[in-house]
N, C-alpha and C. Protein backbone atom coordinates (compact mmCIF):
# COMPACT_ATOMS: atom_id res chain seq x y z
N MET A 1 15.80 9.73 -8.38
CA MET A 1 15.90 8.47 -9.08
C MET A 1 14.56 7.85 -9.30
N GLY A 2 13.71 7.80 -8.24
CA GLY A 2 12.43 7.13 -8.35
C GLY A 2 11.50 7.77 -9.35
N ILE A 3 11.61 9.09 -9.57
CA ILE A 3 10.70 9.76 -10.47
C ILE A 3 10.78 9.22 -11.88
N GLU A 4 11.96 8.66 -12.23
CA GLU A 4 12.12 8.14 -13.59
C GLU A 4 11.43 6.80 -13.74
N SER A 5 11.04 6.20 -12.65
CA SER A 5 10.39 4.87 -12.74
C SER A 5 8.88 5.01 -12.83
N THR A 6 8.25 3.97 -13.38
CA THR A 6 6.82 3.85 -13.36
C THR A 6 6.48 2.63 -12.48
N TYR A 7 5.29 2.62 -11.93
CA TYR A 7 4.92 1.60 -10.97
C TYR A 7 3.62 0.96 -11.43
N GLU A 8 3.60 -0.37 -11.39
CA GLU A 8 2.40 -1.13 -11.76
C GLU A 8 2.01 -2.02 -10.60
N ILE A 9 0.82 -1.80 -10.07
CA ILE A 9 0.37 -2.58 -8.90
C ILE A 9 -0.68 -3.61 -9.34
N HIS A 10 -0.49 -4.84 -8.86
CA HIS A 10 -1.44 -5.89 -9.17
C HIS A 10 -2.74 -5.69 -8.40
N GLN A 11 -3.82 -6.19 -8.94
CA GLN A 11 -5.13 -5.97 -8.40
C GLN A 11 -5.29 -6.40 -6.95
N ASN A 12 -4.85 -7.61 -6.61
CA ASN A 12 -5.07 -8.07 -5.22
C ASN A 12 -4.25 -7.24 -4.24
N ALA A 13 -3.03 -6.86 -4.63
CA ALA A 13 -2.23 -6.00 -3.73
C ALA A 13 -2.92 -4.67 -3.48
N TYR A 14 -3.46 -4.11 -4.51
CA TYR A 14 -4.20 -2.81 -4.46
C TYR A 14 -5.44 -2.93 -3.59
N ILE A 15 -6.25 -3.94 -3.88
CA ILE A 15 -7.52 -4.11 -3.16
C ILE A 15 -7.29 -4.37 -1.66
N LYS A 16 -6.29 -5.15 -1.34
CA LYS A 16 -6.02 -5.53 0.05
C LYS A 16 -5.76 -4.27 0.90
N LEU A 17 -5.00 -3.34 0.37
CA LEU A 17 -4.65 -2.13 1.11
C LEU A 17 -5.87 -1.26 1.35
N ILE A 18 -6.73 -1.16 0.37
CA ILE A 18 -7.91 -0.28 0.50
C ILE A 18 -8.93 -0.93 1.39
N LEU A 19 -9.07 -2.25 1.36
CA LEU A 19 -9.96 -2.95 2.33
C LEU A 19 -9.49 -2.73 3.73
N HIS A 20 -8.16 -2.72 3.94
CA HIS A 20 -7.60 -2.49 5.25
C HIS A 20 -7.98 -1.10 5.76
N ALA A 21 -7.84 -0.11 4.92
CA ALA A 21 -8.25 1.26 5.27
C ALA A 21 -9.72 1.37 5.53
N SER A 22 -10.52 0.58 4.75
CA SER A 22 -11.98 0.60 4.93
C SER A 22 -12.42 -0.02 6.22
N LYS A 23 -11.68 -1.00 6.70
CA LYS A 23 -11.99 -1.68 7.93
C LYS A 23 -11.73 -0.79 9.15
N HIS A 24 -10.71 0.07 9.02
CA HIS A 24 -10.32 0.95 10.17
C HIS A 24 -10.46 2.41 9.75
N LYS A 25 -11.68 2.81 9.49
CA LYS A 25 -11.89 4.16 8.92
C LYS A 25 -11.52 5.30 9.87
N THR A 26 -11.53 5.05 11.17
CA THR A 26 -11.24 6.12 12.12
C THR A 26 -9.81 6.09 12.61
N SER A 27 -9.00 5.21 11.99
CA SER A 27 -7.57 5.13 12.38
C SER A 27 -6.68 5.29 11.17
N ALA A 28 -5.46 5.71 11.42
CA ALA A 28 -4.45 5.66 10.36
C ALA A 28 -4.05 4.20 10.25
N VAL A 29 -3.83 3.76 9.00
CA VAL A 29 -3.35 2.40 8.74
C VAL A 29 -2.14 2.41 7.81
N ASN A 30 -1.38 1.35 7.82
CA ASN A 30 -0.26 1.30 6.87
C ASN A 30 -0.01 -0.13 6.40
N GLY A 31 0.87 -0.24 5.43
CA GLY A 31 1.21 -1.55 4.87
C GLY A 31 2.48 -1.46 4.06
N VAL A 32 3.01 -2.61 3.64
CA VAL A 32 4.18 -2.60 2.80
C VAL A 32 3.86 -3.20 1.46
N LEU A 33 4.59 -2.80 0.46
CA LEU A 33 4.45 -3.23 -0.89
C LEU A 33 5.58 -4.18 -1.24
N LEU A 34 5.22 -5.28 -1.89
CA LEU A 34 6.26 -6.23 -2.31
C LEU A 34 6.25 -6.44 -3.79
N GLY A 35 7.41 -6.54 -4.37
CA GLY A 35 7.46 -6.69 -5.82
C GLY A 35 8.84 -6.92 -6.34
N ARG A 36 9.10 -6.47 -7.56
CA ARG A 36 10.36 -6.68 -8.24
C ARG A 36 10.52 -5.66 -9.34
N ILE A 37 11.74 -5.52 -9.80
CA ILE A 37 12.01 -4.72 -11.01
C ILE A 37 11.60 -5.51 -12.18
N SER A 38 10.90 -4.89 -13.10
CA SER A 38 10.41 -5.63 -14.27
C SER A 38 11.00 -5.01 -15.56
N GLY A 39 11.27 -5.87 -16.50
CA GLY A 39 11.65 -5.39 -17.84
C GLY A 39 13.01 -4.68 -17.84
N ASP A 40 13.03 -3.47 -18.35
CA ASP A 40 14.27 -2.74 -18.52
C ASP A 40 14.62 -1.93 -17.29
N SER A 41 14.09 -2.33 -16.15
CA SER A 41 14.37 -1.72 -14.83
C SER A 41 13.79 -0.34 -14.65
N ALA A 42 12.93 0.10 -15.58
CA ALA A 42 12.24 1.36 -15.42
C ALA A 42 10.86 1.17 -14.79
N VAL A 43 10.43 -0.14 -14.68
CA VAL A 43 9.13 -0.44 -14.13
C VAL A 43 9.30 -1.22 -12.82
N VAL A 44 8.67 -0.72 -11.78
CA VAL A 44 8.63 -1.47 -10.53
C VAL A 44 7.26 -2.14 -10.46
N GLU A 45 7.25 -3.46 -10.39
CA GLU A 45 6.03 -4.25 -10.40
C GLU A 45 5.68 -4.58 -8.92
N ILE A 46 4.55 -4.06 -8.45
CA ILE A 46 4.11 -4.30 -7.09
C ILE A 46 3.12 -5.49 -7.15
N VAL A 47 3.61 -6.62 -6.71
CA VAL A 47 2.86 -7.90 -6.89
C VAL A 47 1.97 -8.20 -5.70
N GLU A 48 2.48 -7.85 -4.50
CA GLU A 48 1.76 -8.20 -3.28
C GLU A 48 1.81 -7.02 -2.31
N SER A 49 0.95 -7.07 -1.30
CA SER A 49 0.96 -6.08 -0.23
C SER A 49 0.61 -6.78 1.11
N VAL A 50 1.11 -6.21 2.15
CA VAL A 50 0.77 -6.73 3.51
C VAL A 50 0.29 -5.60 4.38
N PRO A 51 -0.95 -5.68 4.85
CA PRO A 51 -1.41 -4.65 5.78
C PRO A 51 -0.64 -4.79 7.13
N LEU A 52 -0.17 -3.69 7.63
CA LEU A 52 0.66 -3.73 8.84
C LEU A 52 -0.14 -3.41 10.10
N PHE A 53 -0.44 -2.15 10.34
CA PHE A 53 -1.00 -1.76 11.65
C PHE A 53 -2.17 -0.78 11.54
N HIS A 54 -2.99 -0.81 12.57
CA HIS A 54 -4.07 0.18 12.68
C HIS A 54 -4.05 0.85 14.08
N SER A 55 -3.17 0.37 14.97
CA SER A 55 -3.10 0.96 16.31
C SER A 55 -1.66 1.23 16.75
N GLN A 56 -0.72 0.56 16.17
CA GLN A 56 0.68 0.73 16.64
C GLN A 56 1.56 1.34 15.53
N ILE A 57 1.01 2.18 14.73
CA ILE A 57 1.77 2.76 13.65
C ILE A 57 2.97 3.59 14.20
N GLY A 58 4.12 3.28 13.70
CA GLY A 58 5.29 4.03 14.12
C GLY A 58 5.99 3.50 15.34
N VAL A 59 5.42 2.44 15.98
CA VAL A 59 6.08 1.82 17.13
C VAL A 59 7.11 0.85 16.61
N LEU A 60 8.37 1.05 16.98
CA LEU A 60 9.47 0.36 16.33
C LEU A 60 9.50 -1.16 16.53
N PRO A 61 9.40 -1.71 17.75
CA PRO A 61 9.55 -3.16 17.89
C PRO A 61 8.55 -3.98 17.06
N PRO A 62 7.23 -3.67 17.09
CA PRO A 62 6.31 -4.46 16.25
C PRO A 62 6.61 -4.28 14.75
N LEU A 63 7.05 -3.10 14.35
CA LEU A 63 7.38 -2.87 12.95
C LEU A 63 8.56 -3.69 12.51
N GLU A 64 9.60 -3.74 13.34
CA GLU A 64 10.77 -4.53 13.01
C GLU A 64 10.44 -6.00 12.92
N ILE A 65 9.64 -6.51 13.85
CA ILE A 65 9.18 -7.92 13.80
C ILE A 65 8.46 -8.17 12.50
N ALA A 66 7.53 -7.30 12.17
CA ALA A 66 6.74 -7.47 10.93
C ALA A 66 7.61 -7.50 9.71
N LEU A 67 8.54 -6.55 9.59
CA LEU A 67 9.38 -6.46 8.38
C LEU A 67 10.26 -7.73 8.22
N ILE A 68 10.78 -8.21 9.34
CA ILE A 68 11.62 -9.43 9.27
C ILE A 68 10.76 -10.60 8.79
N MET A 69 9.58 -10.80 9.33
CA MET A 69 8.72 -11.92 8.95
C MET A 69 8.27 -11.78 7.50
N ILE A 70 7.96 -10.57 7.09
CA ILE A 70 7.50 -10.37 5.71
C ILE A 70 8.64 -10.65 4.75
N GLU A 71 9.83 -10.15 5.02
CA GLU A 71 11.00 -10.38 4.14
C GLU A 71 11.31 -11.86 4.00
N GLU A 72 11.28 -12.57 5.14
CA GLU A 72 11.56 -14.02 5.12
C GLU A 72 10.52 -14.77 4.31
N TYR A 73 9.28 -14.45 4.46
CA TYR A 73 8.21 -15.17 3.79
C TYR A 73 8.26 -14.93 2.29
N TYR A 74 8.43 -13.68 1.87
CA TYR A 74 8.34 -13.39 0.43
C TYR A 74 9.63 -13.51 -0.35
N CYS A 75 10.73 -13.60 0.38
CA CYS A 75 12.03 -13.81 -0.27
C CYS A 75 12.01 -15.12 -1.10
N ASP A 76 11.41 -16.12 -0.52
CA ASP A 76 11.31 -17.45 -1.20
C ASP A 76 10.46 -17.34 -2.47
N LYS A 77 9.63 -16.34 -2.56
CA LYS A 77 8.77 -16.17 -3.70
C LYS A 77 9.37 -15.18 -4.76
N GLY A 78 10.61 -14.78 -4.50
CA GLY A 78 11.29 -13.88 -5.43
C GLY A 78 10.86 -12.44 -5.33
N LEU A 79 10.21 -12.08 -4.20
CA LEU A 79 9.72 -10.69 -4.00
C LEU A 79 10.45 -10.04 -2.88
N SER A 80 10.64 -8.74 -2.97
CA SER A 80 11.23 -7.97 -1.86
C SER A 80 10.37 -6.71 -1.58
N ILE A 81 10.66 -6.05 -0.49
CA ILE A 81 9.88 -4.87 -0.12
C ILE A 81 10.28 -3.73 -1.05
N VAL A 82 9.32 -3.17 -1.75
CA VAL A 82 9.60 -2.09 -2.74
C VAL A 82 8.88 -0.82 -2.42
N GLY A 83 8.13 -0.77 -1.31
CA GLY A 83 7.42 0.48 -1.04
C GLY A 83 6.58 0.37 0.21
N TYR A 84 5.82 1.43 0.44
CA TYR A 84 5.08 1.63 1.66
C TYR A 84 3.72 2.24 1.35
N PHE A 85 2.67 1.83 2.07
CA PHE A 85 1.34 2.36 1.91
C PHE A 85 0.88 3.00 3.21
N HIS A 86 0.17 4.13 3.07
CA HIS A 86 -0.31 4.82 4.25
C HIS A 86 -1.68 5.45 4.02
N ALA A 87 -2.55 5.35 4.99
CA ALA A 87 -3.86 6.03 4.93
C ALA A 87 -3.96 6.86 6.21
N ASN A 88 -4.21 8.14 6.07
CA ASN A 88 -4.31 9.01 7.22
C ASN A 88 -5.57 8.82 8.00
N GLU A 89 -5.53 9.23 9.29
CA GLU A 89 -6.66 9.09 10.17
C GLU A 89 -7.82 9.99 9.79
N ARG A 90 -7.52 11.25 9.45
CA ARG A 90 -8.55 12.21 9.09
C ARG A 90 -8.85 12.20 7.60
N PHE A 91 -10.10 12.32 7.27
CA PHE A 91 -10.55 12.29 5.86
C PHE A 91 -9.93 13.43 5.08
N ASP A 92 -9.81 14.59 5.74
CA ASP A 92 -9.33 15.79 5.00
C ASP A 92 -7.82 15.97 5.05
N ASP A 93 -7.12 14.98 5.58
CA ASP A 93 -5.67 15.04 5.68
C ASP A 93 -5.05 14.38 4.44
N SER A 94 -4.46 15.16 3.58
CA SER A 94 -3.87 14.63 2.34
C SER A 94 -2.35 14.77 2.32
N GLU A 95 -1.79 14.95 3.53
CA GLU A 95 -0.32 15.15 3.63
C GLU A 95 0.35 13.83 4.03
N LEU A 96 1.56 13.65 3.52
CA LEU A 96 2.39 12.56 3.93
C LEU A 96 3.14 12.96 5.21
N GLY A 97 2.73 12.34 6.31
CA GLY A 97 3.24 12.79 7.61
C GLY A 97 4.60 12.24 7.95
N SER A 98 5.12 12.64 9.07
CA SER A 98 6.51 12.29 9.48
C SER A 98 6.63 10.81 9.75
N VAL A 99 5.64 10.18 10.34
CA VAL A 99 5.75 8.72 10.61
C VAL A 99 5.84 7.95 9.28
N ALA A 100 4.99 8.31 8.35
CA ALA A 100 5.04 7.65 7.04
C ALA A 100 6.39 7.85 6.36
N LYS A 101 6.88 9.06 6.43
CA LYS A 101 8.20 9.36 5.82
C LYS A 101 9.31 8.58 6.48
N ASN A 102 9.28 8.47 7.78
CA ASN A 102 10.33 7.74 8.49
C ASN A 102 10.38 6.26 8.11
N ILE A 103 9.17 5.68 8.04
CA ILE A 103 9.14 4.25 7.64
C ILE A 103 9.59 4.08 6.18
N ALA A 104 9.13 5.00 5.35
CA ALA A 104 9.51 4.98 3.94
C ALA A 104 11.01 5.20 3.77
N ASP A 105 11.58 6.06 4.57
CA ASP A 105 13.02 6.29 4.52
C ASP A 105 13.79 4.99 4.76
N HIS A 106 13.31 4.19 5.74
CA HIS A 106 13.95 2.92 6.05
C HIS A 106 13.89 1.98 4.84
N ILE A 107 12.78 1.93 4.17
CA ILE A 107 12.66 1.07 2.98
C ILE A 107 13.52 1.57 1.84
N TYR A 108 13.62 2.90 1.70
CA TYR A 108 14.42 3.51 0.66
C TYR A 108 15.91 3.15 0.74
N LYS A 109 16.38 2.94 1.98
CA LYS A 109 17.80 2.60 2.14
C LYS A 109 18.15 1.29 1.44
N TYR A 110 17.16 0.40 1.36
CA TYR A 110 17.41 -0.90 0.78
C TYR A 110 16.90 -1.01 -0.67
N PHE A 111 15.99 -0.07 -1.03
CA PHE A 111 15.41 -0.10 -2.40
C PHE A 111 15.23 1.35 -2.86
N PRO A 112 16.20 1.90 -3.58
CA PRO A 112 16.20 3.34 -3.95
C PRO A 112 15.03 3.79 -4.85
N GLN A 113 14.38 2.82 -5.46
CA GLN A 113 13.21 3.17 -6.30
C GLN A 113 11.90 3.00 -5.52
N ALA A 114 11.99 3.00 -4.21
CA ALA A 114 10.82 2.79 -3.36
C ALA A 114 9.70 3.75 -3.67
N ALA A 115 8.50 3.25 -3.62
CA ALA A 115 7.28 4.05 -3.83
C ALA A 115 6.54 4.18 -2.49
N VAL A 116 5.96 5.35 -2.27
CA VAL A 116 5.01 5.52 -1.17
C VAL A 116 3.65 5.81 -1.78
N LEU A 117 2.68 5.02 -1.37
CA LEU A 117 1.30 5.22 -1.84
C LEU A 117 0.48 5.74 -0.68
N LEU A 118 -0.16 6.87 -0.88
CA LEU A 118 -1.00 7.51 0.14
C LEU A 118 -2.46 7.44 -0.37
N LEU A 119 -3.33 6.86 0.44
CA LEU A 119 -4.74 6.79 0.04
C LEU A 119 -5.33 8.20 -0.15
N ASP A 120 -5.93 8.44 -1.29
CA ASP A 120 -6.60 9.70 -1.62
C ASP A 120 -8.07 9.55 -1.21
N ASN A 121 -8.42 10.00 -0.05
CA ASN A 121 -9.77 9.81 0.49
C ASN A 121 -10.83 10.42 -0.39
N LYS A 122 -10.57 11.58 -0.92
CA LYS A 122 -11.56 12.25 -1.79
C LYS A 122 -11.82 11.48 -3.05
N LYS A 123 -10.74 11.01 -3.66
CA LYS A 123 -10.86 10.24 -4.87
C LYS A 123 -11.60 8.91 -4.60
N PHE A 124 -11.29 8.33 -3.47
CA PHE A 124 -11.93 7.06 -3.08
C PHE A 124 -13.42 7.29 -2.83
N GLU A 125 -13.76 8.40 -2.20
CA GLU A 125 -15.18 8.72 -1.97
C GLU A 125 -15.91 8.93 -3.28
N THR A 126 -15.27 9.62 -4.23
CA THR A 126 -15.87 9.82 -5.55
C THR A 126 -16.09 8.49 -6.24
N LEU A 127 -15.08 7.63 -6.18
CA LEU A 127 -15.20 6.28 -6.79
C LEU A 127 -16.39 5.53 -6.14
N SER A 128 -16.51 5.60 -4.86
CA SER A 128 -17.57 4.87 -4.13
C SER A 128 -18.94 5.35 -4.56
N LYS A 129 -19.06 6.64 -4.89
CA LYS A 129 -20.37 7.19 -5.28
C LYS A 129 -20.68 6.97 -6.76
N GLU A 130 -19.66 7.13 -7.60
CA GLU A 130 -19.86 7.08 -9.05
C GLU A 130 -19.44 5.80 -9.71
N GLY A 131 -18.39 5.14 -9.15
CA GLY A 131 -17.98 3.83 -9.64
C GLY A 131 -17.43 3.81 -11.04
N LYS A 132 -16.95 4.90 -11.59
CA LYS A 132 -16.54 4.95 -13.00
C LYS A 132 -15.04 4.98 -13.21
N ASP A 133 -14.32 5.54 -12.30
CA ASP A 133 -12.88 5.80 -12.50
C ASP A 133 -12.09 4.45 -12.51
N ARG A 134 -11.16 4.33 -13.41
CA ARG A 134 -10.31 3.10 -13.46
C ARG A 134 -8.92 3.38 -12.90
N SER A 135 -8.60 4.63 -12.55
CA SER A 135 -7.27 4.95 -12.05
C SER A 135 -7.19 4.66 -10.55
N PRO A 136 -5.98 4.48 -10.04
CA PRO A 136 -5.81 4.15 -8.60
C PRO A 136 -6.28 5.33 -7.72
N VAL A 137 -6.89 4.95 -6.56
CA VAL A 137 -7.35 6.00 -5.60
C VAL A 137 -6.19 6.25 -4.61
N MET A 138 -5.01 6.34 -5.12
CA MET A 138 -3.82 6.55 -4.31
C MET A 138 -2.97 7.60 -4.98
N GLN A 139 -2.23 8.35 -4.15
CA GLN A 139 -1.22 9.25 -4.60
C GLN A 139 0.15 8.61 -4.52
N LEU A 140 0.97 8.85 -5.50
CA LEU A 140 2.31 8.24 -5.58
C LEU A 140 3.38 9.26 -5.18
N TYR A 141 4.22 8.88 -4.20
CA TYR A 141 5.36 9.71 -3.80
C TYR A 141 6.63 8.93 -4.06
N THR A 142 7.64 9.61 -4.56
CA THR A 142 8.99 9.03 -4.69
C THR A 142 10.00 10.07 -4.23
N LYS A 143 11.22 9.61 -4.02
CA LYS A 143 12.29 10.54 -3.60
C LYS A 143 12.76 11.36 -4.81
N ASP A 144 12.90 12.67 -4.57
CA ASP A 144 13.45 13.50 -5.66
C ASP A 144 14.98 13.69 -5.51
N ALA A 145 15.55 14.54 -6.29
CA ALA A 145 17.02 14.72 -6.30
C ALA A 145 17.51 15.22 -4.93
N SER A 146 16.66 15.90 -4.21
CA SER A 146 17.06 16.42 -2.88
C SER A 146 16.77 15.44 -1.77
N ARG A 147 16.45 14.23 -2.13
CA ARG A 147 16.14 13.15 -1.19
C ARG A 147 14.94 13.41 -0.35
N SER A 148 13.98 14.21 -0.85
CA SER A 148 12.74 14.46 -0.15
C SER A 148 11.61 13.67 -0.87
N TRP A 149 10.60 13.30 -0.11
CA TRP A 149 9.46 12.58 -0.71
C TRP A 149 8.57 13.61 -1.39
N LYS A 150 8.36 13.43 -2.70
CA LYS A 150 7.58 14.37 -3.46
C LYS A 150 6.46 13.66 -4.18
N LEU A 151 5.29 14.32 -4.27
CA LEU A 151 4.16 13.81 -5.06
C LEU A 151 4.53 13.79 -6.54
N VAL A 152 4.31 12.68 -7.20
CA VAL A 152 4.63 12.56 -8.59
C VAL A 152 3.46 13.05 -9.43
N GLY A 153 3.62 14.11 -10.21
CA GLY A 153 2.51 14.66 -11.00
C GLY A 153 1.49 15.27 -10.10
N SER A 154 0.33 15.60 -10.65
CA SER A 154 -0.73 16.19 -9.89
C SER A 154 -1.31 15.20 -8.87
N ASP A 155 -1.43 13.93 -9.28
CA ASP A 155 -1.94 12.90 -8.37
C ASP A 155 -1.13 11.63 -8.43
N GLY A 156 -0.10 11.58 -9.25
CA GLY A 156 0.70 10.40 -9.37
C GLY A 156 0.18 9.31 -10.26
N SER A 157 -1.05 9.54 -10.79
CA SER A 157 -1.66 8.47 -11.55
C SER A 157 -0.95 8.15 -12.87
N SER A 158 -0.25 9.13 -13.43
CA SER A 158 0.42 8.92 -14.70
C SER A 158 1.58 7.94 -14.57
N CYS A 159 2.16 7.84 -13.37
CA CYS A 159 3.27 6.92 -13.13
C CYS A 159 2.87 5.70 -12.35
N LEU A 160 1.63 5.68 -11.90
CA LEU A 160 1.12 4.52 -11.16
C LEU A 160 -0.08 3.90 -11.91
N LYS A 161 0.02 2.68 -12.26
CA LYS A 161 -1.04 1.97 -13.01
C LYS A 161 -1.46 0.70 -12.22
N ILE A 162 -2.77 0.38 -12.38
CA ILE A 162 -3.20 -0.88 -11.87
C ILE A 162 -3.12 -1.89 -13.01
N LYS A 163 -2.53 -3.04 -12.75
CA LYS A 163 -2.27 -4.05 -13.80
C LYS A 163 -3.59 -4.51 -14.46
N GLN A 164 -4.62 -4.72 -13.65
CA GLN A 164 -5.91 -5.17 -14.19
C GLN A 164 -6.89 -4.00 -14.21
N PRO A 165 -7.43 -3.64 -15.38
CA PRO A 165 -8.29 -2.45 -15.52
C PRO A 165 -9.60 -2.54 -14.70
N SER A 166 -10.02 -3.77 -14.35
CA SER A 166 -11.32 -3.91 -13.64
C SER A 166 -11.17 -3.86 -12.11
N ALA A 167 -9.96 -3.52 -11.61
CA ALA A 167 -9.71 -3.56 -10.20
C ALA A 167 -10.67 -2.75 -9.35
N ASN A 168 -11.00 -1.52 -9.78
CA ASN A 168 -11.91 -0.66 -8.99
C ASN A 168 -13.33 -1.24 -8.94
N VAL A 169 -13.75 -1.91 -10.00
CA VAL A 169 -15.07 -2.54 -10.02
C VAL A 169 -15.13 -3.65 -9.00
N ILE A 170 -14.06 -4.48 -8.97
CA ILE A 170 -14.01 -5.57 -7.99
C ILE A 170 -13.90 -5.02 -6.61
N LEU A 171 -13.09 -3.95 -6.42
CA LEU A 171 -12.96 -3.34 -5.13
C LEU A 171 -14.30 -2.88 -4.58
N LEU A 172 -15.09 -2.21 -5.39
CA LEU A 172 -16.40 -1.73 -4.91
C LEU A 172 -17.32 -2.88 -4.58
N ASP A 173 -17.20 -3.96 -5.32
CA ASP A 173 -18.02 -5.16 -5.06
C ASP A 173 -17.64 -5.75 -3.69
N TYR A 174 -16.34 -5.79 -3.43
CA TYR A 174 -15.85 -6.34 -2.15
C TYR A 174 -16.30 -5.46 -1.00
N ILE A 175 -16.26 -4.15 -1.18
CA ILE A 175 -16.67 -3.23 -0.12
C ILE A 175 -18.17 -3.34 0.16
N SER A 176 -18.95 -3.41 -0.91
CA SER A 176 -20.41 -3.49 -0.70
C SER A 176 -20.86 -4.83 -0.11
N SER A 177 -20.05 -5.86 -0.32
CA SER A 177 -20.38 -7.18 0.24
C SER A 177 -19.76 -7.41 1.64
N GLY A 178 -19.04 -6.38 2.14
CA GLY A 178 -18.50 -6.48 3.52
C GLY A 178 -17.21 -7.28 3.56
N LYS A 179 -16.54 -7.46 2.47
CA LYS A 179 -15.29 -8.25 2.42
C LYS A 179 -14.22 -7.66 3.28
N TRP A 180 -14.28 -6.33 3.49
CA TRP A 180 -13.27 -5.64 4.30
C TRP A 180 -13.21 -6.17 5.73
N LYS A 181 -14.29 -6.76 6.22
CA LYS A 181 -14.31 -7.29 7.56
C LYS A 181 -13.32 -8.48 7.73
N ASP A 182 -12.96 -9.09 6.61
CA ASP A 182 -12.11 -10.31 6.67
C ASP A 182 -10.61 -9.99 6.67
N ILE A 183 -10.26 -8.74 6.41
CA ILE A 183 -8.85 -8.40 6.30
C ILE A 183 -8.12 -8.52 7.61
N ILE A 184 -6.93 -9.09 7.57
CA ILE A 184 -6.16 -9.28 8.81
C ILE A 184 -4.81 -8.55 8.63
N ASP A 185 -4.47 -7.74 9.65
CA ASP A 185 -3.18 -7.06 9.60
C ASP A 185 -2.26 -7.59 10.68
N PHE A 186 -1.07 -7.04 10.79
CA PHE A 186 -0.10 -7.50 11.75
C PHE A 186 -0.54 -7.19 13.18
N ASP A 187 -1.27 -6.13 13.41
CA ASP A 187 -1.86 -5.89 14.75
C ASP A 187 -2.70 -7.08 15.16
N ASP A 188 -3.56 -7.54 14.25
CA ASP A 188 -4.44 -8.71 14.55
C ASP A 188 -3.59 -9.95 14.82
N HIS A 189 -2.56 -10.12 14.02
CA HIS A 189 -1.68 -11.34 14.17
C HIS A 189 -0.93 -11.31 15.47
N LEU A 190 -0.42 -10.16 15.88
CA LEU A 190 0.34 -10.10 17.12
C LEU A 190 -0.58 -10.28 18.33
N ASP A 191 -1.86 -9.92 18.18
CA ASP A 191 -2.79 -10.20 19.24
C ASP A 191 -3.22 -11.70 19.31
N ASP A 192 -3.24 -12.33 18.15
CA ASP A 192 -3.63 -13.73 18.06
C ASP A 192 -2.86 -14.34 16.90
N ILE A 193 -1.81 -15.11 17.19
CA ILE A 193 -0.90 -15.57 16.13
C ILE A 193 -1.54 -16.58 15.20
N SER A 194 -2.76 -17.05 15.52
CA SER A 194 -3.44 -17.95 14.62
C SER A 194 -4.04 -17.21 13.41
N LYS A 195 -4.10 -15.89 13.54
CA LYS A 195 -4.70 -15.10 12.44
C LYS A 195 -3.66 -14.91 11.34
N ASP A 196 -4.10 -15.13 10.09
CA ASP A 196 -3.20 -15.18 8.91
C ASP A 196 -2.94 -13.82 8.33
N TRP A 197 -1.74 -13.23 8.62
CA TRP A 197 -1.40 -11.90 8.12
C TRP A 197 -1.15 -11.89 6.61
N VAL A 198 -0.99 -13.06 6.02
CA VAL A 198 -0.81 -13.16 4.56
C VAL A 198 -2.19 -13.02 3.87
N ASN A 199 -3.27 -13.25 4.60
CA ASN A 199 -4.61 -13.16 4.05
C ASN A 199 -4.83 -14.11 2.88
N THR A 200 -4.37 -15.35 3.12
CA THR A 200 -4.45 -16.38 2.06
C THR A 200 -5.84 -16.62 1.53
N GLU A 201 -6.82 -16.54 2.41
CA GLU A 201 -8.20 -16.88 2.03
C GLU A 201 -9.00 -15.70 1.53
N LEU A 202 -8.43 -14.52 1.53
CA LEU A 202 -9.21 -13.31 1.26
C LEU A 202 -9.87 -13.31 -0.11
N PHE A 203 -9.16 -13.80 -1.12
CA PHE A 203 -9.67 -13.72 -2.48
C PHE A 203 -10.24 -15.07 -2.97
N ASN A 204 -10.41 -15.99 -2.06
CA ASN A 204 -10.96 -17.33 -2.49
C ASN A 204 -12.49 -17.29 -2.40
């Protein structure tokens, strides 16, 4: 079902996830995607993202707490959880692992067009060196007819678009200026509840 859909991610949602991965380069990180069905229901619009964890990935109680809080906060804004983001610990690991699939399966139960975005480390490294590519540095996975998570196309870029064409330029500027240090995820919030998991101030 999901393969028939296309996905459009907003700039801030996209940048937030990659800054999260940049802050925790030696750890796997994850996050959730929030959005809505747009237009004729063939487009899933990813409006927001929330960085989840960098140390407790796959641990159920913190994940359940995070998902409940996220759903409550964004429901009032007309957004729901539409997908999952994952970045692997190892640079050369380009596989969607079992933990990522399990969390994505949970999201899929409530949103059958759910997307899984996996950070493409090699593409991100190329972007960092050359700074020319405007396509997302993420691979897109959706459920196929056999209910397995499958990579869409060669890299998923044909079905995944960034809403603002200048997103990668701004991303590189944020990385070079150390903006990634300011990103707060749910791990940080659970350690210190005064820390803002919504990252309200990140783009100000």
